[in-house]
Amino acid sequence: QVQLMESGGGLVQAGGSLRLSCVASGIIFRSSNMGWYRQAPGKQRELVAVITAGYNTNYAASVKGRFTISRDNVKNKVYLQMSSLKPEDTAVYYCARPPDAWGQGTQVTVSS
């Protein structure tokens, strides 16, 4: 059974940083493309960042230069380092092995 579990969300002031973590089980992690997505209230879920099995990365334009996605194939974990956070980054953040495996989400709230 595929399980993705996020952690690391919370409340932070604008300009601050957070690091999200996601541990995966039930998949061959090292050969999986992994991603972080987010959904703000009243908005559609959107891609934040992806990292391929070959460690290639891609970011949404709104987070490029502020967020960094990384992975640890020994620990079966994917991370999202978020810096220079803005109130508009407030959302529930989901770890995923798109398109078929999703975590429960972790809330990130950025106060102004």
C-alpha atoms as a PDB file:
ATOM      1  CA  GLN A   1       0.000   0.000   0.000  1.00  0.00           C
ATOM      2  CA  VAL A   2       1.375   3.375  -1.019  1.00  0.00           C
ATOM      3  CA  GLN A   3       1.694   5.883   1.809  1.00  0.00           C
ATOM      4  CA  LEU A   4       3.025   9.421   1.704  1.00  0.00           C
ATOM      5  CA  MET A   5       3.227  11.340   4.966  1.00  0.00           C
ATOM      6  CA  GLU A   6       4.077  15.027   5.162  1.00  0.00           C
ATOM      7  CA  SER A   7       5.415  16.950   8.131  1.00  0.00           C
ATOM      8  CA  GLY A   8       6.912  20.318   8.878  1.00  0.00           C
ATOM      9  CA  GLY A   9       4.058  22.692   8.236  1.00  0.00           C
ATOM     10  CA  GLY A  10       3.119  25.469  10.588  1.00  0.00           C
ATOM     11  CA  LEU A  11       2.712  29.175  11.135  1.00  0.00           C
ATOM     12  CA  VAL A  12       5.518  31.507  10.115  1.00  0.00           C
ATOM     13  CA  GLN A  13       5.907  35.214   9.596  1.00  0.00           C
ATOM     14  CA  ALA A  14       6.439  36.671   6.160  1.00  0.00           C
ATOM     15  CA  GLY A  15      10.083  36.444   5.203  1.00  0.00           C
ATOM     16  CA  GLY A  16      10.596  33.323   7.269  1.00  0.00           C
ATOM     17  CA  SER A  17      11.456  29.773   6.319  1.00  0.00           C
ATOM     18  CA  LEU A  18      10.021  26.300   6.693  1.00  0.00           C
ATOM     19  CA  ARG A  19      11.155  22.867   5.638  1.00  0.00           C
ATOM     20  CA  LEU A  20       8.576  20.295   4.656  1.00  0.00           C
ATOM     21  CA  SER A  21       9.365  16.598   4.686  1.00  0.00           C
ATOM     22  CA  CYS A  22       7.580  13.648   3.161  1.00  0.00           C
ATOM     23  CA  VAL A  23       8.343  10.017   3.824  1.00  0.00           C
ATOM     24  CA  ALA A  24       7.192   7.439   1.326  1.00  0.00           C
ATOM     25  CA  SER A  25       6.445   3.757   1.704  1.00  0.00           C
ATOM     26  CA  GLY A  26       4.993   1.121  -0.555  1.00  0.00           C
ATOM     27  CA  ILE A  27       6.687   2.460  -3.673  1.00  0.00           C
ATOM     28  CA  ILE A  28      10.035   2.036  -5.374  1.00  0.00           C
ATOM     29  CA  PHE A  29      11.068   5.480  -4.273  1.00  0.00           C
ATOM     30  CA  ARG A  30      14.368   5.753  -6.116  1.00  0.00           C
ATOM     31  CA  SER A  31      12.660   5.315  -9.482  1.00  0.00           C
ATOM     32  CA  SER A  32       9.716   7.601  -8.706  1.00  0.00           C
ATOM     33  CA  ASN A  33       9.248  11.187  -9.785  1.00  0.00           C
ATOM     34  CA  MET A  34       8.073  13.118  -6.732  1.00  0.00           C
ATOM     35  CA  GLY A  35       6.374  16.458  -6.321  1.00  0.00           C
ATOM     36  CA  TRP A  36       4.991  19.046  -3.970  1.00  0.00           C
ATOM     37  CA  TYR A  37       1.640  20.636  -4.693  1.00  0.00           C
ATOM     38  CA  ARG A  38      -0.437  23.151  -2.784  1.00  0.00           C
ATOM     39  CA  GLN A  39      -4.027  24.250  -2.527  1.00  0.00           C
ATOM     40  CA  ALA A  40      -5.088  27.580  -1.101  1.00  0.00           C
ATOM     41  CA  PRO A  41      -8.662  28.218   0.076  1.00  0.00           C
ATOM     42  CA  GLY A  42     -10.963  28.712  -2.872  1.00  0.00           C
ATOM     43  CA  LYS A  43      -8.274  27.845  -5.397  1.00  0.00           C
ATOM     44  CA  GLN A  44      -7.335  24.798  -7.427  1.00  0.00           C
ATOM     45  CA  ARG A  45      -4.459  22.578  -6.440  1.00  0.00           C
ATOM     46  CA  GLU A  46      -1.273  23.693  -8.184  1.00  0.00           C
ATOM     47  CA  LEU A  47       2.166  22.303  -8.769  1.00  0.00           C
ATOM     48  CA  VAL A  48       4.900  23.802  -6.597  1.00  0.00           C
ATOM     49  CA  ALA A  49       7.938  21.715  -7.497  1.00  0.00           C
ATOM     50  CA  VAL A  50       8.903  18.344  -8.898  1.00  0.00           C
ATOM     51  CA  ILE A  51      12.043  16.255  -8.752  1.00  0.00           C
ATOM     52  CA  THR A  52      12.560  13.357 -11.089  1.00  0.00           C
ATOM     53  CA  ALA A  53      14.184  10.040 -10.368  1.00  0.00           C
ATOM     54  CA  GLY A  54      17.214  11.503 -12.121  1.00  0.00           C
ATOM     55  CA  TYR A  55      17.254  14.516  -9.785  1.00  0.00           C
ATOM     56  CA  ASN A  56      16.036  16.997 -12.384  1.00  0.00           C
ATOM     57  CA  THR A  57      13.906  19.719 -10.821  1.00  0.00           C
ATOM     58  CA  ASN A  58      11.214  22.096 -11.971  1.00  0.00           C
ATOM     59  CA  TYR A  59       9.435  24.872 -10.099  1.00  0.00           C
ATOM     60  CA  ALA A  60       6.362  27.008 -10.406  1.00  0.00           C
ATOM     61  CA  ALA A  61       7.291  30.516 -11.451  1.00  0.00           C
ATOM     62  CA  SER A  62       5.839  31.898  -8.224  1.00  0.00           C
ATOM     63  CA  VAL A  63       8.310  29.981  -6.044  1.00  0.00           C
ATOM     64  CA  LYS A  64      11.412  29.805  -8.232  1.00  0.00           C
ATOM     65  CA  GLY A  65      14.424  31.138  -6.383  1.00  0.00           C
ATOM     66  CA  ARG A  66      12.701  30.829  -2.999  1.00  0.00           C
ATOM     67  CA  PHE A  67      11.884  27.119  -2.720  1.00  0.00           C
ATOM     68  CA  THR A  68      14.155  24.107  -3.176  1.00  0.00           C
ATOM     69  CA  ILE A  69      13.033  20.526  -3.644  1.00  0.00           C
ATOM     70  CA  SER A  70      15.373  17.674  -2.801  1.00  0.00           C
ATOM     71  CA  ARG A  71      15.267  13.965  -2.154  1.00  0.00           C
ATOM     72  CA  ASP A  72      17.026  11.281  -0.118  1.00  0.00           C
ATOM     73  CA  ASN A  73      16.709   7.876  -1.743  1.00  0.00           C
ATOM     74  CA  VAL A  74      18.172   6.141   1.311  1.00  0.00           C
ATOM     75  CA  LYS A  75      15.517   7.515   3.647  1.00  0.00           C
ATOM     76  CA  ASN A  76      12.735   7.504   1.034  1.00  0.00           C
ATOM     77  CA  LYS A  77      12.130  11.171   1.695  1.00  0.00           C
ATOM     78  CA  VAL A  78      11.461  14.241  -0.358  1.00  0.00           C
ATOM     79  CA  TYR A  79      11.886  17.728   1.060  1.00  0.00           C
ATOM     80  CA  LEU A  80      10.724  21.233   0.259  1.00  0.00           C
ATOM     81  CA  GLN A  81      12.848  24.017   1.694  1.00  0.00           C
ATOM     82  CA  MET A  82      10.830  27.216   1.622  1.00  0.00           C
ATOM     83  CA  SER A  83      12.451  30.596   2.181  1.00  0.00           C
ATOM     84  CA  SER A  84      11.353  34.216   1.903  1.00  0.00           C
ATOM     85  CA  LEU A  85       7.822  33.075   2.521  1.00  0.00           C
ATOM     86  CA  LYS A  86       4.942  35.334   1.537  1.00  0.00           C
ATOM     87  CA  PRO A  87       1.338  35.425   2.745  1.00  0.00           C
ATOM     88  CA  GLU A  88       0.278  34.157  -0.676  1.00  0.00           C
ATOM     89  CA  ASP A  89       2.222  30.944   0.010  1.00  0.00           C
ATOM     90  CA  THR A  90      -0.427  30.057   2.598  1.00  0.00           C
ATOM     91  CA  ALA A  91      -1.956  26.743   1.574  1.00  0.00           C
ATOM     92  CA  VAL A  92      -2.185  23.065   2.327  1.00  0.00           C
ATOM     93  CA  TYR A  93       0.921  21.454   0.862  1.00  0.00           C
ATOM     94  CA  TYR A  94       0.741  17.934  -0.517  1.00  0.00           C
ATOM     95  CA  CYS A  95       3.477  15.476  -1.279  1.00  0.00           C
ATOM     96  CA  ALA A  96       2.777  13.328  -4.315  1.00  0.00           C
ATOM     97  CA  ARG A  97       4.001  10.717  -6.668  1.00  0.00           C
ATOM     98  CA  PRO A  98       1.889  12.043  -9.465  1.00  0.00           C
ATOM     99  CA  PRO A  99      -0.604  11.190 -10.627  1.00  0.00           C
ATOM    100  CA  ASP A 100      -1.741   8.382  -8.394  1.00  0.00           C
ATOM    101  CA  ALA A 101      -0.318   8.762  -4.889  1.00  0.00           C
ATOM    102  CA  TRP A 102      -0.947  11.681  -2.551  1.00  0.00           C
ATOM    103  CA  GLY A 103      -0.311  12.523   1.059  1.00  0.00           C
ATOM    104  CA  GLN A 104      -2.842  13.962   3.458  1.00  0.00           C
ATOM    105  CA  GLY A 105      -1.325  17.421   3.324  1.00  0.00           C
ATOM    106  CA  THR A 106       0.258  19.784   5.811  1.00  0.00           C
ATOM    107  CA  GLN A 107      -0.908  23.329   6.491  1.00  0.00           C
ATOM    108  CA  VAL A 108       1.459  26.227   5.902  1.00  0.00           C
ATOM    109  CA  THR A 109       0.296  29.622   7.087  1.00  0.00           C
ATOM    110  CA  VAL A 110       2.340  32.750   6.449  1.00  0.00           C
ATOM    111  CA  SER A 111       1.315  35.813   8.426  1.00  0.00           C
ATOM    112  CA  SER A 112       1.962  39.347   7.212  1.00  0.00           C
END
